[in-house]
Protein backbone atom coordinates (compact mmCIF):
# COMPACT_ATOMS: atom_id res chain seq x y z
CA MET A 1 -7.32 -13.84 -15.46
CA THR A 2 -9.33 -13.96 -12.16
CA GLU A 3 -8.92 -16.35 -9.37
CA THR A 4 -10.74 -16.21 -6.03
CA THR A 5 -9.74 -17.56 -2.70
CA THR A 6 -12.32 -17.51 0.10
CA GLU A 7 -11.97 -13.81 0.91
CA VAL A 8 -9.51 -12.31 -1.62
CA ARG A 9 -9.81 -12.10 -5.41
CA TYR A 10 -6.61 -12.15 -7.57
CA GLU A 11 -6.68 -10.71 -11.01
CA VAL A 12 -4.02 -9.89 -13.58
CA GLU A 13 -4.66 -7.67 -16.54
CA GLY A 14 -2.27 -5.53 -18.56
CA GLY A 15 0.64 -6.17 -16.29
CA ILE A 16 -1.33 -5.10 -13.14
CA ALA A 17 -2.29 -7.52 -10.43
CA ARG A 18 -5.38 -6.56 -8.42
CA LEU A 19 -5.97 -7.96 -4.95
CA THR A 20 -9.60 -7.45 -3.98
CA ILE A 21 -10.75 -7.99 -0.32
CA ASP A 22 -14.00 -9.84 -1.08
CA ARG A 23 -16.11 -9.46 2.06
CA GLU A 24 -18.48 -6.70 1.07
CA ALA A 25 -21.14 -7.79 3.54
CA ALA A 26 -18.63 -7.51 6.39
CA ARG A 27 -17.41 -4.07 5.18
CA ASN A 28 -14.21 -5.89 3.82
CA ALA A 29 -13.03 -6.44 7.41
CA LEU A 30 -9.64 -7.88 7.96
CA SER A 31 -10.31 -11.48 9.00
CA PRO A 32 -7.45 -14.06 9.34
CA GLY A 33 -8.43 -15.29 5.89
CA VAL A 34 -8.15 -11.83 4.39
CA VAL A 35 -4.68 -11.26 5.85
CA GLN A 36 -3.51 -14.63 4.67
CA GLY A 37 -5.16 -14.05 1.26
CA LEU A 38 -3.49 -10.71 0.79
CA MET A 39 -0.10 -11.99 1.87
CA ALA A 40 -0.44 -14.95 -0.58
CA GLY A 41 -1.67 -12.60 -3.40
CA LEU A 42 1.21 -10.20 -2.85
CA LYS A 43 3.77 -13.07 -2.98
CA ARG A 44 2.13 -14.41 -6.11
CA ALA A 45 2.22 -11.04 -7.82
CA GLU A 46 5.95 -10.58 -6.84
CA ASP A 47 6.78 -13.93 -8.37
CA ASP A 48 4.89 -13.44 -11.57
CA PRO A 49 7.06 -11.97 -14.28
CA ARG A 50 4.00 -10.46 -16.13
CA VAL A 51 3.11 -8.27 -13.15
CA ARG A 52 4.67 -4.84 -13.02
CA CYS A 53 2.47 -3.15 -10.43
CA ILE A 54 0.14 -4.30 -7.64
CA VAL A 55 -3.20 -2.77 -6.77
CA VAL A 56 -5.15 -3.52 -3.62
CA THR A 57 -8.89 -2.67 -3.18
CA GLY A 58 -12.04 -3.70 -1.61
CA ALA A 59 -15.23 -5.15 -3.10
CA GLY A 60 -18.30 -3.03 -3.70
CA ASP A 61 -18.58 0.72 -3.74
CA ARG A 62 -18.87 1.69 -0.03
CA VAL A 63 -15.93 0.46 1.95
CA PHE A 64 -12.31 -0.10 1.05
CA CYS A 65 -11.64 -1.89 4.42
CA ALA A 66 -13.21 -1.14 7.81
CA GLY A 67 -10.36 -2.61 9.86
CA GLY A 68 -10.13 -5.63 11.99
CA ASP A 69 -13.07 -8.07 12.22
CA LEU A 70 -14.04 -7.47 15.89
CA GLY A 71 -16.67 -10.16 15.61
CA GLY A 72 -14.13 -12.77 14.61
CA MET A 73 -11.46 -12.12 17.20
CA ALA A 74 -9.58 -15.26 18.28
CA ASP A 75 -10.60 -16.81 21.67
CA GLY A 76 -7.21 -17.52 23.04
CA PHE A 77 -4.79 -14.81 24.04
CA LEU A 78 -1.76 -16.28 22.22
CA ASP A 79 -3.87 -16.97 19.00
CA GLY A 80 -5.11 -13.45 19.07
CA HIS A 81 -1.53 -12.07 19.51
CA GLU A 82 -0.33 -14.14 16.57
CA GLY A 83 -3.17 -12.79 14.41
CA ARG A 84 -2.28 -9.23 15.19
CA ARG A 85 1.42 -9.96 14.47
CA ALA A 86 0.20 -11.42 11.04
CA TYR A 87 -1.47 -8.03 10.30
CA GLY A 88 1.74 -6.28 11.19
CA ALA A 89 3.74 -8.65 8.96
CA LEU A 90 1.23 -7.89 6.08
CA LEU A 91 1.84 -4.10 6.43
CA MET A 92 5.64 -4.71 6.33
CA ALA A 93 5.27 -7.04 3.34
CA PHE A 94 3.50 -4.38 1.40
CA GLN A 95 6.07 -1.66 2.25
CA GLN A 96 8.97 -4.16 1.55
CA ALA A 97 7.50 -5.44 -1.77
CA LYS A 98 9.89 -5.41 -4.77
CA LYS A 99 7.11 -4.15 -7.10
CA PRO A 100 5.25 -0.83 -6.63
CA THR A 101 1.94 -0.96 -4.85
CA VAL A 102 -1.14 1.22 -5.23
CA ALA A 103 -4.25 1.42 -3.04
CA ARG A 104 -7.44 1.79 -5.01
CA ILE A 105 -9.75 3.29 -2.37
CA ASN A 106 -13.36 2.53 -3.31
CA GLY A 107 -14.79 3.66 -0.01
CA HIS A 108 -14.12 4.21 3.64
CA ALA A 109 -10.62 3.25 4.88
CA LEU A 110 -10.68 2.92 8.66
CA ALA A 111 -8.60 1.47 11.40
CA GLY A 112 -6.57 -1.42 9.99
CA GLY A 113 -7.84 -0.47 6.51
CA LEU A 114 -6.18 2.88 6.86
CA GLY A 115 -2.93 1.05 7.80
CA LEU A 116 -3.15 -0.91 4.60
CA VAL A 117 -3.56 2.27 2.63
CA LEU A 118 -0.49 3.79 4.35
CA ALA A 119 1.63 0.67 3.70
CA CYS A 120 1.06 1.02 -0.15
CA ASP A 121 3.34 3.33 -2.02
CA LEU A 122 0.60 5.44 -3.62
CA ALA A 123 -3.11 5.77 -3.11
CA VAL A 124 -6.07 6.87 -5.32
CA THR A 125 -9.44 7.43 -3.57
CA ILE A 126 -12.99 8.39 -4.40
CA ASP A 127 -14.14 11.75 -3.08
CA THR A 128 -16.77 10.27 -0.80
CA ALA A 129 -14.43 8.03 1.17
CA GLY A 130 -13.62 8.68 4.87
CA PHE A 131 -10.34 8.01 6.67
CA GLY A 132 -9.75 7.45 10.41
CA THR A 133 -8.72 5.33 13.33
CA PRO A 134 -11.93 4.91 15.37
CA GLU A 135 -10.42 2.19 17.65
CA ILE A 136 -10.28 4.60 20.63
CA ASP A 137 -14.09 4.57 20.79
CA ARG A 138 -13.99 0.74 21.11
CA GLY A 139 -11.56 0.89 24.05
CA LEU A 140 -8.70 -0.06 21.71
CA PHE A 141 -5.69 1.84 20.31
CA PRO A 142 -4.36 1.41 16.70
CA MET A 143 -0.94 0.34 17.76
CA MET A 144 0.54 -0.90 14.48
CA VAL A 145 -1.27 1.65 12.33
CA LEU A 146 0.35 4.45 14.30
CA ALA A 147 3.78 3.39 13.22
CA PHE A 148 2.86 4.17 9.62
CA LEU A 149 0.72 7.17 10.47
CA GLN A 150 3.34 9.01 12.29
CA ARG A 151 5.59 8.57 9.26
CA HIS A 152 3.10 10.18 7.05
CA VAL A 153 1.97 13.17 9.07
CA GLY A 154 3.30 15.39 11.80
CA ARG A 155 3.00 14.48 15.49
CA LYS A 156 0.01 16.74 16.22
CA ARG A 157 -2.06 15.54 13.19
CA ALA A 158 -1.21 11.91 13.99
CA LEU A 159 -2.27 12.25 17.64
CA GLU A 160 -5.38 14.11 16.51
CA LEU A 161 -6.62 11.11 14.56
CA LEU A 162 -5.44 8.51 17.06
CA LEU A 163 -6.84 10.24 20.17
CA THR A 164 -10.12 11.59 18.89
CA GLY A 165 -11.20 8.80 16.56
CA ASP A 166 -12.42 11.53 14.13
CA ARG A 167 -12.88 10.78 10.46
CA LEU A 168 -11.12 12.75 7.63
CA THR A 169 -12.78 13.52 4.35
CA ALA A 170 -11.01 12.46 1.13
CA ALA A 171 -10.14 16.13 0.53
CA LYS A 172 -8.62 16.39 3.95
CA ALA A 173 -6.76 13.15 3.59
CA LEU A 174 -5.24 14.60 0.40
CA GLU A 175 -4.16 17.66 2.24
CA TRP A 176 -2.55 15.68 5.04
CA GLY A 177 -0.62 13.51 2.59
CA LEU A 178 -2.42 10.18 3.26
CA VAL A 179 -3.50 9.83 -0.37
CA ASN A 180 -2.14 11.10 -3.82
CA GLN A 181 -5.36 11.62 -5.80
CA VAL A 182 -9.02 12.24 -5.17
CA VAL A 183 -11.44 11.46 -8.02
CA PRO A 184 -15.10 10.92 -8.59
CA PRO A 185 -16.25 7.25 -8.30
CA ALA A 186 -16.76 7.00 -12.02
CA GLU A 187 -13.08 7.90 -12.60
CA LEU A 188 -11.47 5.60 -10.00
CA ASP A 189 -10.51 2.77 -12.31
CA THR A 190 -9.20 5.10 -14.94
CA ALA A 191 -7.06 7.10 -12.49
CA THR A 192 -5.75 3.95 -10.69
CA ASN A 193 -4.99 2.08 -13.82
CA ALA A 194 -3.05 5.13 -15.32
CA LEU A 195 -1.02 5.49 -12.19
CA ALA A 196 -0.24 1.74 -12.05
CA ALA A 197 0.66 1.69 -15.70
CA LYS A 198 2.96 4.67 -15.27
CA LEU A 199 4.79 2.83 -12.39
CA GLY A 200 4.80 -0.39 -14.40
CA GLY A 201 6.68 1.46 -17.22
CA LYS A 202 9.65 2.09 -15.02
CA SER A 203 12.68 -0.26 -14.39
CA LEU A 204 11.48 -2.66 -11.73
CA ALA A 205 15.12 -3.15 -10.58
CA ILE A 206 15.60 0.53 -10.02
CA LEU A 207 12.17 0.87 -8.37
CA ALA A 208 12.99 -1.78 -5.91
CA LEU A 209 16.47 -0.35 -5.11
CA GLY A 210 14.96 3.12 -4.73
CA ARG A 211 11.97 2.06 -2.60
CA ARG A 212 14.22 0.03 -0.26
CA SER A 213 16.63 3.01 0.06
CA PHE A 214 13.69 5.35 0.80
CA PHE A 215 12.34 3.39 3.63
CA THR A 216 15.72 2.52 5.12
CA ALA A 217 16.86 6.23 5.00
CA GLU A 218 13.59 7.31 6.63
CA ASP A 219 14.70 6.07 10.05
CA LEU A 220 18.34 7.05 9.92
CA PRO A 221 19.90 10.26 11.35
CA LEU A 222 20.69 12.76 8.57
CA GLN A 223 24.42 12.18 8.35
CA GLN A 224 24.04 8.44 8.26
CA SER A 225 21.15 8.75 5.78
CA VAL A 226 23.25 10.78 3.36
CA GLU A 227 26.15 8.32 3.68
CA PHE A 228 23.90 5.32 3.14
CA LEU A 229 22.24 6.93 0.13
CA SER A 230 25.58 7.77 -1.46
CA ALA A 231 26.45 4.07 -1.35
CA GLN A 232 23.11 3.10 -2.78
CA LEU A 233 23.65 5.58 -5.68
CA SER A 234 26.99 3.84 -6.32
CA LEU A 235 25.08 0.57 -6.64
CA ASN A 236 22.37 2.20 -8.76
CA VAL A 237 24.92 3.51 -11.46
CA LEU A 238 26.26 -0.01 -11.85
CA ALA A 239 22.85 -1.46 -12.87
CA GLU A 240 22.27 -2.39 -16.45
CA ASP A 241 19.15 -0.27 -16.53
CA ALA A 242 21.03 2.77 -15.46
CA ALA A 243 23.21 2.46 -18.51
CA GLU A 244 20.13 1.82 -20.70
CA GLY A 245 18.32 4.88 -19.31
CA VAL A 246 21.22 7.15 -19.93
CA THR A 247 21.86 5.79 -23.47
CA ALA A 248 18.10 6.13 -24.21
CA PHE A 249 18.12 9.68 -23.06
CA LEU A 250 21.16 10.61 -25.27
CA GLU A 251 19.70 8.80 -28.21
CA LYS A 252 16.20 10.50 -27.62
CA ARG A 253 14.27 7.21 -27.55
CA PRO A 254 12.23 5.35 -24.99
CA ALA A 255 14.19 3.14 -22.68
CA LYS A 256 14.01 -0.66 -23.01
CA TRP A 257 14.21 -1.90 -19.49
CA GLY A 258 15.74 -5.31 -18.73
CA ASP A 259 14.83 -5.01 -14.98
CA ARG A 260 18.46 -5.54 -14.08
């Protein structure tokens, strides 16, 4: 099943929802329509019981997403501010999604496009893609992207990208922990679909609980984090899928998840 809004394509196949930024001629830049389309597609996938994993990608084979559409910036100050807040809300929506998300990086991921990659749980990229935050060379600073970047890499590496605007190769992005897999272009779909299928084979209820716990604990002091996570584990063991998982292990059979 494929459905297309003006700037975002929505497809579901084999339990995987794919959201494709469909602005190849504009380097898949983040227009207001793209931000709204991704937000709508994410919600639709979250609400669809057939969907077990969500993949986001760009059209074509050169650019995943080149960031904000500088040529389409809003005229009014308040309208522009609300548009930037909408992008921030999109990043948070991906991080807070109940279902796992994977970035299928078909080309360069720059500026706000890199932020979108970082907001996804996992990322698979082609080996010719570049990664960076070139905003500094436009007299801008990637304010919202830095919140995610500094949670992925150390201070010195984050500042290196932010202050220089330099671009990382795919191999370097893997070394820095920005992506999970680097593959030749011909293997991108196979690798992405395999990863998405693996995530989709887990209990969605436990994935949601675990992901939420992960991101909450990330910003807590160590002692509070451990106390919080002990409470989350107590919730976890009460879940029906926890009982099913243990029983399936003892009976040496695959678990049959009820997502509860």
